[in-house]
Amino acid sequence: MNKRLSMILNIAWAITLLLVCANFTDGAKKDSAAQNPEFVKVLDGESLVNGTIYDDQNVIPAKQISFSGHSKIGGVRRESDDSINVLDLTKIKEIKILNENYMSPRYQDKEYILVEVTAINGAITKDLLVPRDVVICAISKETEMEKAWYLKKLSKIDIDLNGKPQVVEAPKGVVKQTN
C-alpha cells in the first residue's frame, strides 16, 4: 500500500513539474490575434501625444497616443544593420505599417512587423522591425473612449506636430513609491 501511494505521488509530482516547466518555455510562435489588446493610461512622466490613427476602415482623431502607456518603445531593429532602436512618439511625424507579418531574413526566430517611420525632420526610415505584439493606446477625441489596438492591425499613425507635447505629472500630494 505504501509503495503504491509513493508511486502515485511520484507520478503526480512528475506531471506537475512537466506542466510547470512547459509554461516557462517559449514553445511555438504565439498567435497574438487570439488575445485582445488592453488600454493602458499614459503613465506619469510620459509625454502626451495627439494625432490620427488609421485602421482598416476608420480614421480616428486621438489624444494621449502611447505604446501601452509609454511614449517610447525599445527593441526595434533595422533590417539593414545590427542596431537596436528606440521609437519616441515625440520625435515622429508618421508611422506606416508596411507588412504586419514580416518574415525577416536576418532575424528568423523573431516575429516582427515592418514599418516606415518619418521623423519630425522629414527623414524616412523604411526598414524598421517592430515586435509584433506592440499595443497602441489612445483616447478618441470625438467620443472620449479609451481604445487599444495591436500596431500590426493599423495602417498608419499621424502624429500632430502642432504644439509641444506635455508630460503627465503625478497629482500633487501623491508620493511615488520606488522599489
C-alpha atoms as a PDB file:
ATOM      1  CA  MET A   1       0.000   0.000   0.000  1.00  0.00           C
ATOM      2  CA  ASN A   2       2.818   2.408   0.903  1.00  0.00           C
ATOM      3  CA  LYS A   3       4.667   1.614  -2.345  1.00  0.00           C
ATOM      4  CA  ARG A   4       1.544   2.230  -4.363  1.00  0.00           C
ATOM      5  CA  LEU A   5       0.879   5.591  -2.661  1.00  0.00           C
ATOM      6  CA  SER A   6       4.512   6.578  -3.107  1.00  0.00           C
ATOM      7  CA  MET A   7       4.364   5.696  -6.806  1.00  0.00           C
ATOM      8  CA  ILE A   8       1.150   7.727  -7.289  1.00  0.00           C
ATOM      9  CA  LEU A   9       2.693  10.727  -5.513  1.00  0.00           C
ATOM     10  CA  ASN A  10       5.847  10.474  -7.657  1.00  0.00           C
ATOM     11  CA  ILE A  11       3.776  10.358 -10.851  1.00  0.00           C
ATOM     12  CA  ALA A  12       1.680  13.319  -9.705  1.00  0.00           C
ATOM     13  CA  TRP A  13       4.882  15.239  -8.859  1.00  0.00           C
ATOM     14  CA  ALA A  14       6.387  14.470 -12.280  1.00  0.00           C
ATOM     15  CA  ILE A  15       3.225  15.572 -14.112  1.00  0.00           C
ATOM     16  CA  THR A  16       3.055  18.798 -12.091  1.00  0.00           C
ATOM     17  CA  LEU A  17       6.723  19.510 -12.797  1.00  0.00           C
ATOM     18  CA  LEU A  18       6.206  18.881 -16.512  1.00  0.00           C
ATOM     19  CA  LEU A  19       3.222  21.226 -16.663  1.00  0.00           C
ATOM     20  CA  VAL A  20       5.040  23.994 -14.803  1.00  0.00           C
ATOM     21  CA  CYS A  21       8.151  23.686 -16.988  1.00  0.00           C
ATOM     22  CA  ALA A  22       6.072  23.669 -20.167  1.00  0.00           C
ATOM     23  CA  ASN A  23       4.578  27.045 -19.217  1.00  0.00           C
ATOM     24  CA  PHE A  24       8.032  28.635 -18.844  1.00  0.00           C
ATOM     25  CA  THR A  25       9.317  27.720 -22.302  1.00  0.00           C
ATOM     26  CA  ASP A  26       8.850  29.798 -25.451  1.00  0.00           C
ATOM     27  CA  GLY A  27       7.462  26.897 -27.414  1.00  0.00           C
ATOM     28  CA  ALA A  28       5.847  27.632 -30.738  1.00  0.00           C
ATOM     29  CA  LYS A  29       5.245  31.115 -32.010  1.00  0.00           C
ATOM     30  CA  LYS A  30       2.136  32.520 -30.382  1.00  0.00           C
ATOM     31  CA  ASP A  31      -0.857  33.880 -32.236  1.00  0.00           C
ATOM     32  CA  SER A  32      -1.441  37.198 -30.509  1.00  0.00           C
ATOM     33  CA  ALA A  33      -4.625  37.754 -32.512  1.00  0.00           C
ATOM     34  CA  ALA A  34      -6.298  35.314 -30.117  1.00  0.00           C
ATOM     35  CA  GLN A  35      -5.744  37.812 -27.282  1.00  0.00           C
ATOM     36  CA  ASN A  36      -7.298  41.252 -27.089  1.00  0.00           C
ATOM     37  CA  PRO A  37      -5.130  44.332 -26.574  1.00  0.00           C
ATOM     38  CA  GLU A  38      -5.859  46.276 -23.384  1.00  0.00           C
ATOM     39  CA  PHE A  39      -5.904  50.040 -22.886  1.00  0.00           C
ATOM     40  CA  VAL A  40      -3.198  51.438 -20.622  1.00  0.00           C
ATOM     41  CA  LYS A  41      -3.390  55.049 -19.467  1.00  0.00           C
ATOM     42  CA  VAL A  42      -0.345  57.251 -20.212  1.00  0.00           C
ATOM     43  CA  LEU A  43       1.996  56.806 -17.255  1.00  0.00           C
ATOM     44  CA  ASP A  44       3.420  59.567 -15.034  1.00  0.00           C
ATOM     45  CA  GLY A  45       6.440  61.233 -16.617  1.00  0.00           C
ATOM     46  CA  GLU A  46       5.490  60.214 -20.163  1.00  0.00           C
ATOM     47  CA  SER A  47       4.719  62.683 -22.952  1.00  0.00           C
ATOM     48  CA  LEU A  48       1.163  63.315 -24.125  1.00  0.00           C
ATOM     49  CA  VAL A  49       0.966  62.903 -27.906  1.00  0.00           C
ATOM     50  CA  ASN A  50      -2.035  63.637 -30.136  1.00  0.00           C
ATOM     51  CA  GLY A  51      -2.662  62.570 -33.707  1.00  0.00           C
ATOM     52  CA  THR A  52      -4.745  60.464 -36.050  1.00  0.00           C
ATOM     53  CA  ILE A  53      -4.932  56.678 -36.084  1.00  0.00           C
ATOM     54  CA  TYR A  54      -5.904  54.819 -39.246  1.00  0.00           C
ATOM     55  CA  ASP A  55      -7.158  51.260 -39.055  1.00  0.00           C
ATOM     56  CA  ASP A  56      -8.686  49.226 -41.893  1.00  0.00           C
ATOM     57  CA  GLN A  57     -11.791  51.345 -42.384  1.00  0.00           C
ATOM     58  CA  ASN A  58     -11.664  54.141 -39.819  1.00  0.00           C
ATOM     59  CA  VAL A  59      -9.882  57.422 -39.247  1.00  0.00           C
ATOM     60  CA  ILE A  60      -9.731  58.168 -35.524  1.00  0.00           C
ATOM     61  CA  PRO A  61      -8.614  61.597 -34.271  1.00  0.00           C
ATOM     62  CA  ALA A  62      -6.930  60.677 -30.986  1.00  0.00           C
ATOM     63  CA  LYS A  63      -5.202  62.096 -27.944  1.00  0.00           C
ATOM     64  CA  GLN A  64      -2.818  60.550 -25.434  1.00  0.00           C
ATOM     65  CA  ILE A  65      -1.414  58.125 -28.020  1.00  0.00           C
ATOM     66  CA  SER A  66       1.074  55.726 -26.444  1.00  0.00           C
ATOM     67  CA  PHE A  67       2.795  52.375 -26.630  1.00  0.00           C
ATOM     68  CA  SER A  68       0.856  50.800 -23.713  1.00  0.00           C
ATOM     69  CA  GLY A  69       1.232  53.928 -21.582  1.00  0.00           C
ATOM     70  CA  HIS A  70       4.738  54.869 -22.752  1.00  0.00           C
ATOM     71  CA  SER A  71       5.772  57.497 -25.293  1.00  0.00           C
ATOM     72  CA  LYS A  72       8.857  55.432 -26.219  1.00  0.00           C
ATOM     73  CA  ILE A  73       9.420  51.805 -27.130  1.00  0.00           C
ATOM     74  CA  GLY A  74      12.696  49.908 -27.456  1.00  0.00           C
ATOM     75  CA  GLY A  75      13.617  46.611 -29.062  1.00  0.00           C
ATOM     76  CA  VAL A  76      13.071  47.961 -32.568  1.00  0.00           C
ATOM     77  CA  ARG A  77      15.561  46.570 -35.069  1.00  0.00           C
ATOM     78  CA  ARG A  78      16.572  47.536 -38.576  1.00  0.00           C
ATOM     79  CA  GLU A  79      16.737  45.055 -41.400  1.00  0.00           C
ATOM     80  CA  SER A  80      19.748  46.881 -42.870  1.00  0.00           C
ATOM     81  CA  ASP A  81      22.033  46.935 -39.800  1.00  0.00           C
ATOM     82  CA  ASP A  82      22.604  45.404 -36.372  1.00  0.00           C
ATOM     83  CA  SER A  83      21.230  48.309 -34.340  1.00  0.00           C
ATOM     84  CA  ILE A  84      18.512  48.161 -31.736  1.00  0.00           C
ATOM     85  CA  ASN A  85      16.468  51.346 -31.818  1.00  0.00           C
ATOM     86  CA  VAL A  86      14.042  53.325 -29.684  1.00  0.00           C
ATOM     87  CA  LEU A  87      10.925  54.859 -31.220  1.00  0.00           C
ATOM     88  CA  ASP A  88       9.907  58.087 -29.479  1.00  0.00           C
ATOM     89  CA  LEU A  89       6.448  59.369 -30.424  1.00  0.00           C
ATOM     90  CA  THR A  90       7.531  62.956 -29.683  1.00  0.00           C
ATOM     91  CA  LYS A  91      10.137  62.723 -32.470  1.00  0.00           C
ATOM     92  CA  ILE A  92       7.943  61.033 -35.080  1.00  0.00           C
ATOM     93  CA  LYS A  93       5.668  62.580 -37.689  1.00  0.00           C
ATOM     94  CA  GLU A  94       4.237  59.325 -39.090  1.00  0.00           C
ATOM     95  CA  ILE A  95       4.361  55.557 -38.600  1.00  0.00           C
ATOM     96  CA  LYS A  96       3.230  53.470 -41.581  1.00  0.00           C
ATOM     97  CA  ILE A  97       2.696  49.733 -41.264  1.00  0.00           C
ATOM     98  CA  LEU A  98       4.131  48.123 -44.416  1.00  0.00           C
ATOM     99  CA  ASN A  99       3.789  44.426 -43.529  1.00  0.00           C
ATOM    100  CA  GLU A 100       2.039  43.026 -40.453  1.00  0.00           C
ATOM    101  CA  ASN A 101       3.539  39.530 -40.890  1.00  0.00           C
ATOM    102  CA  TYR A 102       7.078  40.346 -41.973  1.00  0.00           C
ATOM    103  CA  MET A 103       9.488  37.409 -42.172  1.00  0.00           C
ATOM    104  CA  SER A 104      12.929  38.881 -41.569  1.00  0.00           C
ATOM    105  CA  PRO A 105      15.818  37.129 -43.330  1.00  0.00           C
ATOM    106  CA  ARG A 106      18.136  38.367 -40.547  1.00  0.00           C
ATOM    107  CA  TYR A 107      16.001  37.589 -37.511  1.00  0.00           C
ATOM    108  CA  GLN A 108      14.104  34.443 -38.474  1.00  0.00           C
ATOM    109  CA  ASP A 109      13.482  33.384 -34.884  1.00  0.00           C
ATOM    110  CA  LYS A 110      11.534  36.572 -34.059  1.00  0.00           C
ATOM    111  CA  GLU A 111       8.124  37.895 -35.078  1.00  0.00           C
ATOM    112  CA  TYR A 112       8.120  41.452 -36.417  1.00  0.00           C
ATOM    113  CA  ILE A 113       6.051  43.912 -38.355  1.00  0.00           C
ATOM    114  CA  LEU A 114       7.785  46.050 -40.965  1.00  0.00           C
ATOM    115  CA  VAL A 115       7.188  49.785 -40.548  1.00  0.00           C
ATOM    116  CA  GLU A 116       8.237  53.017 -42.181  1.00  0.00           C
ATOM    117  CA  VAL A 117       8.831  55.950 -39.846  1.00  0.00           C
ATOM    118  CA  THR A 118       9.000  59.601 -40.829  1.00  0.00           C
ATOM    119  CA  ALA A 119      10.844  61.688 -38.244  1.00  0.00           C
ATOM    120  CA  ILE A 120       9.807  65.256 -37.451  1.00  0.00           C
ATOM    121  CA  ASN A 121      12.786  66.484 -39.514  1.00  0.00           C
ATOM    122  CA  GLY A 122      11.439  64.607 -42.563  1.00  0.00           C
ATOM    123  CA  ALA A 123      13.950  61.733 -42.515  1.00  0.00           C
ATOM    124  CA  ILE A 124      12.324  58.450 -43.576  1.00  0.00           C
ATOM    125  CA  THR A 125      13.394  55.030 -42.299  1.00  0.00           C
ATOM    126  CA  LYS A 126      11.744  52.218 -44.282  1.00  0.00           C
ATOM    127  CA  ASP A 127      13.158  49.064 -42.738  1.00  0.00           C
ATOM    128  CA  LEU A 128      12.261  49.159 -39.058  1.00  0.00           C
ATOM    129  CA  LEU A 129      11.238  45.881 -37.436  1.00  0.00           C
ATOM    130  CA  VAL A 130       8.849  46.338 -34.511  1.00  0.00           C
ATOM    131  CA  PRO A 131       7.893  43.378 -32.292  1.00  0.00           C
ATOM    132  CA  ARG A 132       4.507  42.026 -33.451  1.00  0.00           C
ATOM    133  CA  ASP A 133       2.642  42.344 -30.165  1.00  0.00           C
ATOM    134  CA  VAL A 134       3.163  46.085 -29.605  1.00  0.00           C
ATOM    135  CA  VAL A 135      -0.059  47.735 -28.435  1.00  0.00           C
ATOM    136  CA  ILE A 136      -1.084  51.295 -29.289  1.00  0.00           C
ATOM    137  CA  CYS A 137      -3.372  53.030 -26.786  1.00  0.00           C
ATOM    138  CA  ALA A 138      -5.249  56.297 -27.263  1.00  0.00           C
ATOM    139  CA  ILE A 139      -8.362  58.218 -26.308  1.00  0.00           C
ATOM    140  CA  SER A 140     -10.766  59.151 -29.096  1.00  0.00           C
ATOM    141  CA  LYS A 141     -11.119  62.930 -29.386  1.00  0.00           C
ATOM    142  CA  GLU A 142     -14.704  62.500 -30.605  1.00  0.00           C
ATOM    143  CA  THR A 143     -16.086  60.024 -28.078  1.00  0.00           C
ATOM    144  CA  GLU A 144     -13.540  60.165 -25.210  1.00  0.00           C
ATOM    145  CA  MET A 145     -13.491  56.353 -25.356  1.00  0.00           C
ATOM    146  CA  GLU A 146     -10.294  54.580 -24.344  1.00  0.00           C
ATOM    147  CA  LYS A 147      -9.025  52.483 -27.251  1.00  0.00           C
ATOM    148  CA  ALA A 148      -6.304  49.892 -27.821  1.00  0.00           C
ATOM    149  CA  TRP A 149      -5.040  48.208 -30.988  1.00  0.00           C
ATOM    150  CA  TYR A 150      -2.186  45.965 -31.949  1.00  0.00           C
ATOM    151  CA  LEU A 151       0.095  48.172 -34.043  1.00  0.00           C
ATOM    152  CA  LYS A 152       0.120  45.442 -36.699  1.00  0.00           C
ATOM    153  CA  LYS A 153      -3.646  45.928 -37.214  1.00  0.00           C
ATOM    154  CA  LEU A 154      -3.295  49.627 -38.053  1.00  0.00           C
ATOM    155  CA  SER A 155      -2.322  51.084 -41.410  1.00  0.00           C
ATOM    156  CA  LYS A 156      -0.864  54.368 -40.195  1.00  0.00           C
ATOM    157  CA  ILE A 157      -0.457  56.782 -37.282  1.00  0.00           C
ATOM    158  CA  ASP A 158      -0.024  60.506 -37.959  1.00  0.00           C
ATOM    159  CA  ILE A 159       1.356  62.484 -35.030  1.00  0.00           C
ATOM    160  CA  ASP A 160       0.085  66.043 -34.548  1.00  0.00           C
ATOM    161  CA  LEU A 161       3.149  68.280 -34.558  1.00  0.00           C
ATOM    162  CA  ASN A 162       1.219  71.435 -33.597  1.00  0.00           C
ATOM    163  CA  GLY A 163       2.261  72.433 -30.124  1.00  0.00           C
ATOM    164  CA  LYS A 164       4.798  70.903 -27.790  1.00  0.00           C
ATOM    165  CA  PRO A 165       3.964  67.536 -26.176  1.00  0.00           C
ATOM    166  CA  GLN A 166       3.079  67.851 -22.499  1.00  0.00           C
ATOM    167  CA  VAL A 167       4.302  65.493 -19.807  1.00  0.00           C
ATOM    168  CA  VAL A 168       1.950  63.588 -17.497  1.00  0.00           C
ATOM    169  CA  GLU A 169       2.647  64.524 -13.886  1.00  0.00           C
ATOM    170  CA  ALA A 170       1.608  62.770 -10.705  1.00  0.00           C
ATOM    171  CA  PRO A 171      -1.163  64.596  -8.801  1.00  0.00           C
ATOM    172  CA  LYS A 172       0.159  66.930  -6.088  1.00  0.00           C
ATOM    173  CA  GLY A 173       0.419  65.277  -2.706  1.00  0.00           C
ATOM    174  CA  VAL A 174       0.954  61.820  -4.204  1.00  0.00           C
ATOM    175  CA  VAL A 175       4.207  60.174  -3.232  1.00  0.00           C
ATOM    176  CA  LYS A 176       5.719  57.857  -5.806  1.00  0.00           C
ATOM    177  CA  GLN A 177       6.899  54.540  -4.454  1.00  0.00           C
ATOM    178  CA  THR A 178      10.266  53.187  -5.520  1.00  0.00           C
ATOM    179  CA  ASN A 179      11.405  49.620  -5.224  1.00  0.00           C
END
